[in-house]
């Protein structure tokens, strides 16, 4: 039986974790758990209320802007931010 290893990153730079409520391949709850496991101030959760596998580049300016800012400037949105499907 496979045991999930513990994940934590105390003191690490913020990590953007995106959860997609309509992703058939990776359940939304997994993103929420990952953000929690990374720890307060490290795991920053962004929720996209959309369909399909993957949120970036899927038509949401809200998600695209957050990911671009994270990758290009190292900034993250407020933890718990929610992006609507056509936002």
PDB file of N, CA and C in Angstrom:
ATOM      1  N   UNK A   1       0.845  -1.179   0.000  1.00  0.00           N
ATOM      2  CA  UNK A   1       0.000   0.000   0.000  1.00  0.00           C
ATOM      3  C   UNK A   1       0.887   1.236   0.000  1.00  0.00           C
ATOM      4  N   UNK A   2       0.530   2.207  -0.821  1.00  0.00           N
ATOM      5  CA  UNK A   2       1.298   3.446  -0.936  1.00  0.00           C
ATOM      6  C   UNK A   2       0.940   4.391   0.199  1.00  0.00           C
ATOM      7  N   UNK A   3       1.953   4.928   0.850  1.00  0.00           N
ATOM      8  CA  UNK A   3       1.731   5.919   1.891  1.00  0.00           C
ATOM      9  C   UNK A   3       2.165   7.277   1.368  1.00  0.00           C
ATOM     10  N   UNK A   4       1.305   8.250   1.506  1.00  0.00           N
ATOM     11  CA  UNK A   4       1.607   9.602   1.061  1.00  0.00           C
ATOM     12  C   UNK A   4       2.647  10.218   1.988  1.00  0.00           C
ATOM     13  N   UNK A   5       3.762  10.684   1.436  1.00  0.00           N
ATOM     14  CA  UNK A   5       4.768  11.304   2.298  1.00  0.00           C
ATOM     15  C   UNK A   5       4.273  12.652   2.819  1.00  0.00           C
ATOM     16  N   UNK A   6       4.779  13.030   3.979  1.00  0.00           N
ATOM     17  CA  UNK A   6       4.420  14.335   4.519  1.00  0.00           C
ATOM     18  C   UNK A   6       5.111  15.415   3.701  1.00  0.00           C
ATOM     19  N   UNK A   7       4.416  16.519   3.542  1.00  0.00           N
ATOM     20  CA  UNK A   7       4.946  17.652   2.797  1.00  0.00           C
ATOM     21  C   UNK A   7       4.872  18.869   3.704  1.00  0.00           C
ATOM     22  N   UNK A   8       5.960  19.596   3.788  1.00  0.00           N
ATOM     23  CA  UNK A   8       5.938  20.861   4.513  1.00  0.00           C
ATOM     24  C   UNK A   8       7.099  21.702   4.005  1.00  0.00           C
ATOM     25  N   UNK A   9       6.984  22.992   4.190  1.00  0.00           N
ATOM     26  CA  UNK A   9       8.029  23.884   3.703  1.00  0.00           C
ATOM     27  C   UNK A   9       8.123  25.127   4.584  1.00  0.00           C
ATOM     28  N   UNK A  10       8.311  24.953   5.890  1.00  0.00           N
ATOM     29  CA  UNK A  10       8.369  26.114   6.766  1.00  0.00           C
ATOM     30  C   UNK A  10       9.500  27.057   6.368  1.00  0.00           C
ATOM     31  N   UNK A  11       9.170  28.342   6.291  1.00  0.00           N
ATOM     32  CA  UNK A  11      10.163  29.346   5.948  1.00  0.00           C
ATOM     33  C   UNK A  11      10.424  29.514   4.466  1.00  0.00           C
ATOM     34  N   UNK A  12       9.796  28.702   3.633  1.00  0.00           N
ATOM     35  CA  UNK A  12       9.992  28.810   2.180  1.00  0.00           C
ATOM     36  C   UNK A  12       9.253  30.028   1.627  1.00  0.00           C
ATOM     37  N   UNK A  13       9.656  30.431   0.444  1.00  0.00           N
ATOM     38  CA  UNK A  13       8.934  31.502  -0.250  1.00  0.00           C
ATOM     39  C   UNK A  13       7.527  31.010  -0.580  1.00  0.00           C
ATOM     40  N   UNK A  14       6.567  31.919  -0.735  1.00  0.00           N
ATOM     41  CA  UNK A  14       5.198  31.508  -1.061  1.00  0.00           C
ATOM     42  C   UNK A  14       5.133  30.671  -2.337  1.00  0.00           C
ATOM     43  N   UNK A  15       4.271  29.652  -2.298  1.00  0.00           N
ATOM     44  CA  UNK A  15       4.042  28.756  -3.429  1.00  0.00           C
ATOM     45  C   UNK A  15       2.582  28.886  -3.835  1.00  0.00           C
ATOM     46  N   UNK A  16       2.339  29.262  -5.079  1.00  0.00           N
ATOM     47  CA  UNK A  16       0.974  29.396  -5.582  1.00  0.00           C
ATOM     48  C   UNK A  16       0.427  28.019  -5.930  1.00  0.00           C
ATOM     49  N   UNK A  17      -0.699  27.660  -5.313  1.00  0.00           N
ATOM     50  CA  UNK A  17      -1.354  26.375  -5.551  1.00  0.00           C
ATOM     51  C   UNK A  17      -2.738  26.676  -6.106  1.00  0.00           C
ATOM     52  N   UNK A  18      -3.007  26.212  -7.335  1.00  0.00           N
ATOM     53  CA  UNK A  18      -4.287  26.498  -7.984  1.00  0.00           C
ATOM     54  C   UNK A  18      -5.162  25.262  -7.963  1.00  0.00           C
ATOM     55  N   UNK A  19      -6.368  25.431  -7.453  1.00  0.00           N
ATOM     56  CA  UNK A  19      -7.356  24.363  -7.451  1.00  0.00           C
ATOM     57  C   UNK A  19      -8.479  24.708  -8.407  1.00  0.00           C
ATOM     58  N   UNK A  20      -8.857  23.742  -9.209  1.00  0.00           N
ATOM     59  CA  UNK A  20      -9.905  23.920 -10.208  1.00  0.00           C
ATOM     60  C   UNK A  20     -11.119  23.099  -9.777  1.00  0.00           C
ATOM     61  N   UNK A  21     -12.245  23.747  -9.553  1.00  0.00           N
ATOM     62  CA  UNK A  21     -13.424  23.038  -9.035  1.00  0.00           C
ATOM     63  C   UNK A  21     -14.022  22.057 -10.030  1.00  0.00           C
ATOM     64  N   UNK A  22     -13.739  22.215 -11.315  1.00  0.00           N
ATOM     65  CA  UNK A  22     -14.314  21.327 -12.324  1.00  0.00           C
ATOM     66  C   UNK A  22     -13.288  20.492 -13.060  1.00  0.00           C
ATOM     67  N   UNK A  23     -12.208  20.121 -12.390  1.00  0.00           N
ATOM     68  CA  UNK A  23     -11.150  19.330 -13.014  1.00  0.00           C
ATOM     69  C   UNK A  23     -11.440  17.845 -12.807  1.00  0.00           C
ATOM     70  N   UNK A  24     -11.690  17.098 -13.894  1.00  0.00           N
ATOM     71  CA  UNK A  24     -12.003  15.684 -13.752  1.00  0.00           C
ATOM     72  C   UNK A  24     -10.781  14.814 -13.427  1.00  0.00           C
ATOM     73  N   UNK A  25      -9.572  15.341 -13.624  1.00  0.00           N
ATOM     74  CA  UNK A  25      -8.360  14.541 -13.433  1.00  0.00           C
ATOM     75  C   UNK A  25      -7.742  14.704 -12.044  1.00  0.00           C
ATOM     76  N   UNK A  26      -7.780  15.906 -11.512  1.00  0.00           N
ATOM     77  CA  UNK A  26      -7.187  16.159 -10.197  1.00  0.00           C
ATOM     78  C   UNK A  26      -8.218  16.856  -9.320  1.00  0.00           C
ATOM     79  N   UNK A  27      -8.702  16.189  -8.293  1.00  0.00           N
ATOM     80  CA  UNK A  27      -9.754  16.751  -7.449  1.00  0.00           C
ATOM     81  C   UNK A  27      -9.341  18.066  -6.786  1.00  0.00           C
ATOM     82  N   UNK A  28     -10.281  18.963  -6.695  1.00  0.00           N
ATOM     83  CA  UNK A  28     -10.065  20.273  -6.076  1.00  0.00           C
ATOM     84  C   UNK A  28      -9.525  20.135  -4.658  1.00  0.00           C
ATOM     85  N   UNK A  29     -10.039  19.192  -3.924  1.00  0.00           N
ATOM     86  CA  UNK A  29      -9.631  19.014  -2.527  1.00  0.00           C
ATOM     87  C   UNK A  29      -8.128  18.758  -2.403  1.00  0.00           C
ATOM     88  N   UNK A  30      -7.522  18.167  -3.424  1.00  0.00           N
ATOM     89  CA  UNK A  30      -6.082  17.919  -3.392  1.00  0.00           C
ATOM     90  C   UNK A  30      -5.279  19.209  -3.348  1.00  0.00           C
ATOM     91  N   UNK A  31      -5.709  20.210  -4.089  1.00  0.00           N
ATOM     92  CA  UNK A  31      -5.024  21.507  -4.076  1.00  0.00           C
ATOM     93  C   UNK A  31      -5.173  22.167  -2.710  1.00  0.00           C
ATOM     94  N   UNK A  32      -6.358  22.074  -2.168  1.00  0.00           N
ATOM     95  CA  UNK A  32      -6.600  22.663  -0.844  1.00  0.00           C
ATOM     96  C   UNK A  32      -5.701  22.007   0.213  1.00  0.00           C
ATOM     97  N   UNK A  33      -5.611  20.689   0.177  1.00  0.00           N
ATOM     98  CA  UNK A  33      -4.764  19.974   1.136  1.00  0.00           C
ATOM     99  C   UNK A  33      -3.287  20.327   0.948  1.00  0.00           C
ATOM    100  N   UNK A  34      -2.855  20.433  -0.314  1.00  0.00           N
ATOM    101  CA  UNK A  34      -1.451  20.768  -0.582  1.00  0.00           C
ATOM    102  C   UNK A  34      -1.111  22.148  -0.023  1.00  0.00           C
ATOM    103  N   UNK A  35      -1.971  23.122  -0.264  1.00  0.00           N
ATOM    104  CA  UNK A  35      -1.726  24.467   0.263  1.00  0.00           C
ATOM    105  C   UNK A  35      -1.641  24.433   1.789  1.00  0.00           C
ATOM    106  N   UNK A  36      -2.526  23.687   2.426  1.00  0.00           N
ATOM    107  CA  UNK A  36      -2.505  23.567   3.888  1.00  0.00           C
ATOM    108  C   UNK A  36      -1.224  22.891   4.372  1.00  0.00           C
ATOM    109  N   UNK A  37      -0.816  21.825   3.692  1.00  0.00           N
ATOM    110  CA  UNK A  37       0.375  21.078   4.098  1.00  0.00           C
ATOM    111  C   UNK A  37       1.651  21.906   3.957  1.00  0.00           C
ATOM    112  N   UNK A  38       1.703  22.762   2.947  1.00  0.00           N
ATOM    113  CA  UNK A  38       2.887  23.599   2.767  1.00  0.00           C
ATOM    114  C   UNK A  38       3.059  24.561   3.937  1.00  0.00           C
ATOM    115  N   UNK A  39       1.964  24.917   4.571  1.00  0.00           N
ATOM    116  CA  UNK A  39       2.031  25.748   5.768  1.00  0.00           C
ATOM    117  C   UNK A  39       1.560  27.170   5.549  1.00  0.00           C
ATOM    118  N   UNK A  40       1.171  27.782   6.647  1.00  0.00           N
ATOM    119  CA  UNK A  40       0.675  29.159   6.619  1.00  0.00           C
ATOM    120  C   UNK A  40       1.762  30.093   6.101  1.00  0.00           C
ATOM    121  N   UNK A  41       1.382  30.922   5.150  1.00  0.00           N
ATOM    122  CA  UNK A  41       2.322  31.856   4.564  1.00  0.00           C
ATOM    123  C   UNK A  41       3.152  31.266   3.435  1.00  0.00           C
ATOM    124  N   UNK A  42       3.092  29.951   3.259  1.00  0.00           N
ATOM    125  CA  UNK A  42       3.831  29.307   2.165  1.00  0.00           C
ATOM    126  C   UNK A  42       2.855  28.847   1.090  1.00  0.00           C
ATOM    127  N   UNK A  43       1.914  27.996   1.432  1.00  0.00           N
ATOM    128  CA  UNK A  43       0.923  27.524   0.468  1.00  0.00           C
ATOM    129  C   UNK A  43      -0.166  28.560   0.268  1.00  0.00           C
ATOM    130  N   UNK A  44      -0.185  29.188  -0.895  1.00  0.00           N
ATOM    131  CA  UNK A  44      -1.174  30.221  -1.209  1.00  0.00           C
ATOM    132  C   UNK A  44      -2.167  29.632  -2.198  1.00  0.00           C
ATOM    133  N   UNK A  45      -3.409  29.481  -1.745  1.00  0.00           N
ATOM    134  CA  UNK A  45      -4.428  28.825  -2.568  1.00  0.00           C
ATOM    135  C   UNK A  45      -5.202  29.823  -3.424  1.00  0.00           C
ATOM    136  N   UNK A  46      -5.325  29.483  -4.699  1.00  0.00           N
ATOM    137  CA  UNK A  46      -6.155  30.217  -5.654  1.00  0.00           C
ATOM    138  C   UNK A  46      -7.154  29.219  -6.220  1.00  0.00           C
ATOM    139  N   UNK A  47      -8.434  29.543  -6.142  1.00  0.00           N
ATOM    140  CA  UNK A  47      -9.479  28.662  -6.653  1.00  0.00           C
ATOM    141  C   UNK A  47     -10.008  29.211  -7.965  1.00  0.00           C
ATOM    142  N   UNK A  48     -10.103  28.336  -8.954  1.00  0.00           N
ATOM    143  CA  UNK A  48     -10.737  28.700 -10.223  1.00  0.00           C
ATOM    144  C   UNK A  48     -12.009  27.887 -10.358  1.00  0.00           C
ATOM    145  N   UNK A  49     -13.118  28.579 -10.514  1.00  0.00           N
ATOM    146  CA  UNK A  49     -14.411  27.916 -10.699  1.00  0.00           C
ATOM    147  C   UNK A  49     -14.623  27.704 -12.193  1.00  0.00           C
ATOM    148  N   UNK A  50     -13.915  26.743 -12.742  1.00  0.00           N
ATOM    149  CA  UNK A  50     -13.982  26.458 -14.167  1.00  0.00           C
ATOM    150  C   UNK A  50     -13.977  24.964 -14.424  1.00  0.00           C
ATOM    151  N   UNK A  51     -14.026  24.621 -15.689  1.00  0.00           N
ATOM    152  CA  UNK A  51     -14.090  23.220 -16.118  1.00  0.00           C
ATOM    153  C   UNK A  51     -12.825  22.846 -16.877  1.00  0.00           C
ATOM    154  N   UNK A  52     -12.460  21.573 -16.807  1.00  0.00           N
ATOM    155  CA  UNK A  52     -11.328  21.059 -17.565  1.00  0.00           C
ATOM    156  C   UNK A  52     -10.102  20.892 -16.695  1.00  0.00           C
ATOM    157  N   UNK A  53      -9.084  20.263 -17.260  1.00  0.00           N
ATOM    158  CA  UNK A  53      -7.843  20.003 -16.531  1.00  0.00           C
ATOM    159  C   UNK A  53      -6.869  21.139 -16.792  1.00  0.00           C
ATOM    160  N   UNK A  54      -6.615  21.925 -15.787  1.00  0.00           N
ATOM    161  CA  UNK A  54      -5.702  23.056 -15.911  1.00  0.00           C
ATOM    162  C   UNK A  54      -6.449  24.368 -15.973  1.00  0.00           C
ATOM    163  N   UNK A  55      -5.989  25.338 -15.202  1.00  0.00           N
ATOM    164  CA  UNK A  55      -6.658  26.634 -15.142  1.00  0.00           C
ATOM    165  C   UNK A  55      -5.930  27.702 -15.960  1.00  0.00           C
ATOM    166  N   UNK A  56      -4.605  27.647 -15.978  1.00  0.00           N
ATOM    167  CA  UNK A  56      -3.833  28.671 -16.677  1.00  0.00           C
ATOM    168  C   UNK A  56      -4.027  28.534 -18.183  1.00  0.00           C
ATOM    169  N   UNK A  57      -4.265  29.652 -18.837  1.00  0.00           N
ATOM    170  CA  UNK A  57      -4.448  29.641 -20.287  1.00  0.00           C
ATOM    171  C   UNK A  57      -5.787  29.073 -20.719  1.00  0.00           C
ATOM    172  N   UNK A  58      -6.721  29.011 -19.794  1.00  0.00           N
ATOM    173  CA  UNK A  58      -8.024  28.417 -20.090  1.00  0.00           C
ATOM    174  C   UNK A  58      -9.129  29.466 -20.152  1.00  0.00           C
ATOM    175  N   UNK A  59      -8.755  30.723 -20.410  1.00  0.00           N
ATOM    176  CA  UNK A  59      -9.749  31.768 -20.620  1.00  0.00           C
ATOM    177  C   UNK A  59     -10.052  32.650 -19.428  1.00  0.00           C
ATOM    178  N   UNK A  60      -9.334  32.484 -18.326  1.00  0.00           N
ATOM    179  CA  UNK A  60      -9.584  33.301 -17.140  1.00  0.00           C
ATOM    180  C   UNK A  60      -8.479  34.338 -16.975  1.00  0.00           C
ATOM    181  N   UNK A  61      -8.807  35.606 -17.199  1.00  0.00           N
ATOM    182  CA  UNK A  61      -7.824  36.671 -16.992  1.00  0.00           C
ATOM    183  C   UNK A  61      -7.382  36.727 -15.533  1.00  0.00           C
ATOM    184  N   UNK A  62      -8.292  36.410 -14.634  1.00  0.00           N
ATOM    185  CA  UNK A  62      -7.999  36.408 -13.196  1.00  0.00           C
ATOM    186  C   UNK A  62      -6.888  35.400 -12.882  1.00  0.00           C
ATOM    187  N   UNK A  63      -7.030  34.179 -13.370  1.00  0.00           N
ATOM    188  CA  UNK A  63      -6.017  33.141 -13.140  1.00  0.00           C
ATOM    189  C   UNK A  63      -4.733  33.488 -13.879  1.00  0.00           C
ATOM    190  N   UNK A  64      -4.847  33.853 -15.144  1.00  0.00           N
ATOM    191  CA  UNK A  64      -3.656  34.161 -15.942  1.00  0.00           C
ATOM    192  C   UNK A  64      -2.836  35.284 -15.316  1.00  0.00           C
ATOM    193  N   UNK A  65      -3.504  36.327 -14.827  1.00  0.00           N
ATOM    194  CA  UNK A  65      -2.798  37.447 -14.194  1.00  0.00           C
ATOM    195  C   UNK A  65      -2.082  37.002 -12.925  1.00  0.00           C
ATOM    196  N   UNK A  66      -2.747  36.174 -12.126  1.00  0.00           N
ATOM    197  CA  UNK A  66      -2.135  35.691 -10.883  1.00  0.00           C
ATOM    198  C   UNK A  66      -0.910  34.830 -11.177  1.00  0.00           C
ATOM    199  N   UNK A  67      -1.016  33.941 -12.147  1.00  0.00           N
ATOM    200  CA  UNK A  67       0.112  33.067 -12.493  1.00  0.00           C
ATOM    201  C   UNK A  67       1.253  33.882 -13.101  1.00  0.00           C
ATOM    202  N   UNK A  68       0.935  34.802 -13.992  1.00  0.00           N
ATOM    203  CA  UNK A  68       1.977  35.640 -14.596  1.00  0.00           C
ATOM    204  C   UNK A  68       2.724  36.442 -13.532  1.00  0.00           C
ATOM    205  N   UNK A  69       1.987  37.026 -12.584  1.00  0.00           N
ATOM    206  CA  UNK A  69       2.620  37.805 -11.514  1.00  0.00           C
ATOM    207  C   UNK A  69       3.514  36.915 -10.650  1.00  0.00           C
ATOM    208  N   UNK A  70       3.071  35.698 -10.403  1.00  0.00           N
ATOM    209  CA  UNK A  70       3.854  34.762  -9.593  1.00  0.00           C
ATOM    210  C   UNK A  70       5.142  34.355 -10.316  1.00  0.00           C
ATOM    211  N   UNK A  71       5.018  34.001 -11.579  1.00  0.00           N
ATOM    212  CA  UNK A  71       6.185  33.529 -12.328  1.00  0.00           C
ATOM    213  C   UNK A  71       7.156  34.646 -12.696  1.00  0.00           C
ATOM    214  N   UNK A  72       6.633  35.825 -13.004  1.00  0.00           N
ATOM    215  CA  UNK A  72       7.490  36.912 -13.475  1.00  0.00           C
ATOM    216  C   UNK A  72       8.006  37.825 -12.367  1.00  0.00           C
ATOM    217  N   UNK A  73       7.213  37.976 -11.283  1.00  0.00           N
ATOM    218  CA  UNK A  73       7.585  38.919 -10.228  1.00  0.00           C
ATOM    219  C   UNK A  73       7.713  38.281  -8.851  1.00  0.00           C
ATOM    220  N   UNK A  74       7.269  37.035  -8.724  1.00  0.00           N
ATOM    221  CA  UNK A  74       7.326  36.372  -7.430  1.00  0.00           C
ATOM    222  C   UNK A  74       6.251  36.812  -6.456  1.00  0.00           C
ATOM    223  N   UNK A  75       5.218  37.486  -6.957  1.00  0.00           N
ATOM    224  CA  UNK A  75       4.131  37.932  -6.089  1.00  0.00           C
ATOM    225  C   UNK A  75       2.965  36.954  -6.167  1.00  0.00           C
ATOM    226  N   UNK A  76       2.236  36.851  -5.082  1.00  0.00           N
ATOM    227  CA  UNK A  76       1.089  35.946  -5.020  1.00  0.00           C
ATOM    228  C   UNK A  76      -0.161  36.731  -4.645  1.00  0.00           C
ATOM    229  N   UNK A  77      -1.333  36.232  -5.053  1.00  0.00           N
ATOM    230  CA  UNK A  77      -2.580  36.878  -4.641  1.00  0.00           C
ATOM    231  C   UNK A  77      -2.851  36.588  -3.168  1.00  0.00           C
ATOM    232  N   UNK A  78      -3.862  37.221  -2.635  1.00  0.00           N
ATOM    233  CA  UNK A  78      -4.287  36.941  -1.264  1.00  0.00           C
ATOM    234  C   UNK A  78      -4.701  35.475  -1.178  1.00  0.00           C
ATOM    235  N   UNK A  79      -4.257  34.797  -0.127  1.00  0.00           N
ATOM    236  CA  UNK A  79      -4.605  33.394   0.069  1.00  0.00           C
ATOM    237  C   UNK A  79      -6.123  33.240   0.099  1.00  0.00           C
ATOM    238  N   UNK A  80      -6.629  32.276  -0.662  1.00  0.00           N
ATOM    239  CA  UNK A  80      -8.070  32.033  -0.709  1.00  0.00           C
ATOM    240  C   UNK A  80      -8.790  32.769  -1.824  1.00  0.00           C
ATOM    241  N   UNK A  81      -8.054  33.469  -2.668  1.00  0.00           N
ATOM    242  CA  UNK A  81      -8.680  34.198  -3.780  1.00  0.00           C
ATOM    243  C   UNK A  81      -9.449  33.226  -4.668  1.00  0.00           C
ATOM    244  N   UNK A  82     -10.613  33.678  -5.151  1.00  0.00           N
ATOM    245  CA  UNK A  82     -11.453  32.860  -6.023  1.00  0.00           C
ATOM    246  C   UNK A  82     -11.636  33.587  -7.346  1.00  0.00           C
ATOM    247  N   UNK A  83     -11.400  32.888  -8.440  1.00  0.00           N
ATOM    248  CA  UNK A  83     -11.610  33.422  -9.779  1.00  0.00           C
ATOM    249  C   UNK A  83     -12.817  32.714 -10.394  1.00  0.00           C
ATOM    250  N   UNK A  84     -13.756  33.497 -10.905  1.00  0.00           N
ATOM    251  CA  UNK A  84     -14.910  32.923 -11.579  1.00  0.00           C
ATOM    252  C   UNK A  84     -14.528  32.394 -12.947  1.00  0.00           C
ATOM    253  N   UNK A  85     -15.434  31.672 -13.541  1.00  0.00           N
ATOM    254  CA  UNK A  85     -15.157  31.029 -14.827  1.00  0.00           C
ATOM    255  C   UNK A  85     -14.769  32.025 -15.916  1.00  0.00           C
ATOM    256  N   UNK A  86     -15.443  33.155 -15.990  1.00  0.00           N
ATOM    257  CA  UNK A  86     -15.172  34.132 -17.061  1.00  0.00           C
ATOM    258  C   UNK A  86     -14.588  35.422 -16.499  1.00  0.00           C
ATOM    259  N   UNK A  87     -13.791  35.311 -15.489  1.00  0.00           N
ATOM    260  CA  UNK A  87     -13.173  36.471 -14.858  1.00  0.00           C
ATOM    261  C   UNK A  87     -11.775  36.676 -15.364  1.00  0.00           C
TER     262      UNK A  87
END
